[in-house]
Amino acid sequence: MLEAGTVLHLAGSGRLILRSNASLKINSFLYDNKGHKVAKVMEIFGPSKSPYVSATPLTDKITEILGKKLYTSKGDLNNC
């Protein structure tokens, strides 16, 4: 697993907002530190070197991942 970014907050839309340090693909999955699938990338925006990611939560335990690092698989990264 590769680090995808850190969860900043839960938006009013119900999506998680992350600051990413990886070039993620739309529809890729994000995992917690235990390898559980917790979110799906829906939108990427902001500066290309350190973009923000809007992701749909796939868990009811959102408060447990706020402020935490999330991870992705190598196949879910764009080749840049």
N, C-alpha and C. Protein backbone atom coordinates (compact mmCIF):
# COMPACT_ATOMS: atom_id res chain seq x y z
N MET A 1 0.84 -1.19 0.00
CA MET A 1 0.00 0.00 0.00
C MET A 1 0.88 1.25 0.00
N LEU A 2 0.44 2.24 -0.73
CA LEU A 2 1.15 3.51 -0.83
C LEU A 2 0.31 4.61 -0.20
N GLU A 3 0.96 5.56 0.45
CA GLU A 3 0.24 6.66 1.09
C GLU A 3 -0.45 7.52 0.04
N ALA A 4 -1.75 7.76 0.25
CA ALA A 4 -2.53 8.57 -0.69
C ALA A 4 -2.70 10.00 -0.21
N GLY A 5 -2.79 10.20 1.10
CA GLY A 5 -2.97 11.53 1.65
C GLY A 5 -3.62 11.48 3.02
N THR A 6 -3.90 12.67 3.54
CA THR A 6 -4.46 12.81 4.89
C THR A 6 -5.86 13.39 4.82
N VAL A 7 -6.78 12.81 5.56
CA VAL A 7 -8.17 13.29 5.60
C VAL A 7 -8.20 14.61 6.39
N LEU A 8 -8.67 15.67 5.74
CA LEU A 8 -8.75 16.98 6.38
C LEU A 8 -10.07 17.18 7.12
N HIS A 9 -11.17 16.87 6.43
CA HIS A 9 -12.48 17.06 7.05
C HIS A 9 -13.58 16.39 6.25
N LEU A 10 -14.76 16.41 6.81
CA LEU A 10 -15.96 15.91 6.14
C LEU A 10 -16.71 17.13 5.61
N ALA A 11 -16.90 17.19 4.31
CA ALA A 11 -17.59 18.32 3.68
C ALA A 11 -19.09 18.24 3.93
N GLY A 12 -19.78 19.34 3.74
CA GLY A 12 -21.22 19.38 3.88
C GLY A 12 -21.94 18.44 2.93
N SER A 13 -21.28 18.08 1.84
CA SER A 13 -21.85 17.16 0.85
C SER A 13 -21.79 15.71 1.34
N GLY A 14 -21.06 15.47 2.44
CA GLY A 14 -20.91 14.12 2.96
C GLY A 14 -19.65 13.44 2.47
N ARG A 15 -18.88 14.13 1.64
CA ARG A 15 -17.63 13.56 1.14
C ARG A 15 -16.45 13.92 2.04
N LEU A 16 -15.46 13.05 2.04
CA LEU A 16 -14.22 13.31 2.74
C LEU A 16 -13.33 14.16 1.85
N ILE A 17 -12.63 15.12 2.44
CA ILE A 17 -11.68 15.94 1.71
C ILE A 17 -10.28 15.59 2.22
N LEU A 18 -9.41 15.23 1.29
CA LEU A 18 -8.05 14.86 1.63
C LEU A 18 -7.07 15.78 0.94
N ARG A 19 -5.91 15.96 1.56
CA ARG A 19 -4.78 16.61 0.89
C ARG A 19 -3.90 15.46 0.43
N SER A 20 -3.73 15.33 -0.86
CA SER A 20 -3.03 14.17 -1.41
C SER A 20 -1.58 14.49 -1.72
N ASN A 21 -0.75 13.48 -1.62
CA ASN A 21 0.64 13.60 -2.04
C ASN A 21 0.93 12.57 -3.13
N ALA A 22 -0.14 12.07 -3.74
CA ALA A 22 -0.02 11.08 -4.82
C ALA A 22 -0.94 11.48 -5.97
N SER A 23 -0.63 11.00 -7.14
CA SER A 23 -1.44 11.28 -8.32
C SER A 23 -2.47 10.15 -8.46
N LEU A 24 -3.61 10.33 -7.82
CA LEU A 24 -4.65 9.30 -7.78
C LEU A 24 -5.53 9.33 -9.02
N LYS A 25 -6.18 8.22 -9.30
CA LYS A 25 -7.16 8.13 -10.38
C LYS A 25 -8.56 8.28 -9.80
N ILE A 26 -9.46 8.85 -10.60
CA ILE A 26 -10.88 8.90 -10.25
C ILE A 26 -11.37 7.45 -10.12
N ASN A 27 -12.26 7.20 -9.18
CA ASN A 27 -12.84 5.88 -8.90
C ASN A 27 -11.88 4.90 -8.22
N SER A 28 -10.70 5.37 -7.82
CA SER A 28 -9.80 4.47 -7.09
C SER A 28 -10.26 4.39 -5.63
N PHE A 29 -9.86 3.34 -4.95
CA PHE A 29 -10.26 3.13 -3.57
C PHE A 29 -9.17 3.56 -2.62
N LEU A 30 -9.59 4.01 -1.45
CA LEU A 30 -8.67 4.42 -0.39
C LEU A 30 -8.87 3.49 0.80
N TYR A 31 -7.78 3.18 1.48
CA TYR A 31 -7.78 2.21 2.57
C TYR A 31 -7.22 2.83 3.84
N ASP A 32 -7.66 2.32 5.00
CA ASP A 32 -7.10 2.77 6.26
C ASP A 32 -5.80 2.01 6.53
N ASN A 33 -5.18 2.26 7.68
CA ASN A 33 -3.89 1.64 7.98
C ASN A 33 -4.00 0.13 8.23
N LYS A 34 -5.21 -0.39 8.37
CA LYS A 34 -5.42 -1.82 8.55
C LYS A 34 -5.78 -2.53 7.24
N GLY A 35 -5.85 -1.75 6.15
CA GLY A 35 -6.16 -2.32 4.84
C GLY A 35 -7.63 -2.42 4.52
N HIS A 36 -8.48 -1.78 5.35
CA HIS A 36 -9.92 -1.79 5.09
C HIS A 36 -10.27 -0.69 4.09
N LYS A 37 -11.09 -1.01 3.10
CA LYS A 37 -11.55 -0.04 2.11
C LYS A 37 -12.48 0.95 2.80
N VAL A 38 -12.13 2.26 2.78
CA VAL A 38 -12.92 3.25 3.52
C VAL A 38 -13.48 4.37 2.66
N ALA A 39 -13.00 4.53 1.41
CA ALA A 39 -13.49 5.63 0.57
C ALA A 39 -13.18 5.36 -0.90
N LYS A 40 -13.91 6.08 -1.76
CA LYS A 40 -13.71 5.99 -3.21
C LYS A 40 -13.51 7.40 -3.74
N VAL A 41 -12.46 7.62 -4.50
CA VAL A 41 -12.13 8.93 -5.06
C VAL A 41 -13.16 9.34 -6.11
N MET A 42 -13.73 10.53 -5.94
CA MET A 42 -14.75 11.02 -6.87
C MET A 42 -14.27 12.23 -7.68
N GLU A 43 -13.42 13.05 -7.06
CA GLU A 43 -12.99 14.30 -7.71
C GLU A 43 -11.60 14.67 -7.21
N ILE A 44 -10.81 15.25 -8.11
CA ILE A 44 -9.47 15.74 -7.76
C ILE A 44 -9.40 17.19 -8.21
N PHE A 45 -8.94 18.08 -7.32
CA PHE A 45 -8.91 19.50 -7.66
C PHE A 45 -7.76 20.19 -6.94
N GLY A 46 -7.44 21.39 -7.39
CA GLY A 46 -6.37 22.17 -6.76
C GLY A 46 -5.05 22.01 -7.50
N PRO A 47 -3.96 22.41 -6.84
CA PRO A 47 -2.64 22.37 -7.49
C PRO A 47 -2.21 20.94 -7.82
N SER A 48 -1.59 20.76 -8.97
CA SER A 48 -1.23 19.42 -9.43
C SER A 48 -0.15 18.75 -8.58
N LYS A 49 0.70 19.52 -7.92
CA LYS A 49 1.76 18.93 -7.10
C LYS A 49 1.23 18.41 -5.76
N SER A 50 0.17 19.00 -5.26
CA SER A 50 -0.40 18.57 -3.98
C SER A 50 -1.91 18.80 -4.01
N PRO A 51 -2.62 17.99 -4.80
CA PRO A 51 -4.05 18.23 -5.01
C PRO A 51 -4.91 17.84 -3.81
N TYR A 52 -6.12 18.32 -3.85
CA TYR A 52 -7.14 17.90 -2.90
C TYR A 52 -7.96 16.80 -3.56
N VAL A 53 -8.49 15.93 -2.75
CA VAL A 53 -9.29 14.81 -3.24
C VAL A 53 -10.62 14.81 -2.51
N SER A 54 -11.70 14.67 -3.25
CA SER A 54 -13.03 14.51 -2.68
C SER A 54 -13.39 13.03 -2.85
N ALA A 55 -13.70 12.37 -1.72
CA ALA A 55 -13.95 10.93 -1.76
C ALA A 55 -15.23 10.58 -1.02
N THR A 56 -15.98 9.66 -1.57
CA THR A 56 -17.20 9.17 -0.94
C THR A 56 -16.83 8.14 0.13
N PRO A 57 -17.27 8.35 1.37
CA PRO A 57 -16.96 7.38 2.42
C PRO A 57 -17.67 6.04 2.16
N LEU A 58 -17.00 4.96 2.49
CA LEU A 58 -17.58 3.63 2.36
C LEU A 58 -17.71 2.98 3.74
N THR A 59 -17.67 3.79 4.77
CA THR A 59 -17.76 3.31 6.14
C THR A 59 -18.62 4.26 6.96
N ASP A 60 -19.20 3.75 8.02
CA ASP A 60 -19.97 4.59 8.94
C ASP A 60 -19.08 5.20 10.01
N LYS A 61 -17.85 4.75 10.10
CA LYS A 61 -16.91 5.19 11.15
C LYS A 61 -16.04 6.34 10.66
N ILE A 62 -16.69 7.37 10.15
CA ILE A 62 -15.99 8.51 9.55
C ILE A 62 -15.13 9.23 10.57
N THR A 63 -15.63 9.41 11.78
CA THR A 63 -14.86 10.15 12.79
C THR A 63 -13.53 9.47 13.11
N GLU A 64 -13.45 8.16 12.89
CA GLU A 64 -12.21 7.44 13.18
C GLU A 64 -11.13 7.67 12.13
N ILE A 65 -11.51 8.15 10.95
CA ILE A 65 -10.50 8.39 9.91
C ILE A 65 -10.20 9.87 9.69
N LEU A 66 -10.94 10.76 10.34
CA LEU A 66 -10.65 12.19 10.22
C LEU A 66 -9.26 12.47 10.79
N GLY A 67 -8.44 13.16 10.02
CA GLY A 67 -7.08 13.48 10.43
C GLY A 67 -6.08 12.36 10.21
N LYS A 68 -6.53 11.22 9.71
CA LYS A 68 -5.65 10.06 9.52
C LYS A 68 -5.16 9.97 8.07
N LYS A 69 -4.07 9.25 7.89
CA LYS A 69 -3.55 8.99 6.55
C LYS A 69 -4.32 7.84 5.95
N LEU A 70 -4.60 7.96 4.65
CA LEU A 70 -5.23 6.87 3.90
C LEU A 70 -4.24 6.40 2.84
N TYR A 71 -4.49 5.21 2.34
CA TYR A 71 -3.54 4.56 1.45
C TYR A 71 -4.26 4.06 0.19
N THR A 72 -3.47 3.77 -0.84
CA THR A 72 -4.00 3.26 -2.09
C THR A 72 -3.06 2.18 -2.63
N SER A 73 -3.52 1.49 -3.63
CA SER A 73 -2.66 0.49 -4.27
C SER A 73 -1.92 1.13 -5.45
N LYS A 74 -0.83 0.55 -5.84
CA LYS A 74 -0.01 1.11 -6.93
C LYS A 74 -0.82 1.23 -8.22
N GLY A 75 -1.74 0.32 -8.47
CA GLY A 75 -2.55 0.34 -9.67
C GLY A 75 -3.53 1.51 -9.74
N ASP A 76 -3.76 2.16 -8.59
CA ASP A 76 -4.69 3.30 -8.54
C ASP A 76 -4.00 4.64 -8.67
N LEU A 77 -2.73 4.63 -9.06
CA LEU A 77 -1.99 5.87 -9.27
C LEU A 77 -1.88 6.14 -10.75
N ASN A 78 -1.94 7.44 -11.11
CA ASN A 78 -1.68 7.85 -12.50
C ASN A 78 -0.19 7.78 -12.73
N ASN A 79 0.20 7.42 -13.92
CA ASN A 79 1.62 7.41 -14.27
C ASN A 79 2.02 8.79 -14.72
N CYS A 80 2.67 9.52 -13.83
CA CYS A 80 3.10 10.88 -14.14
C CYS A 80 4.60 10.98 -14.17
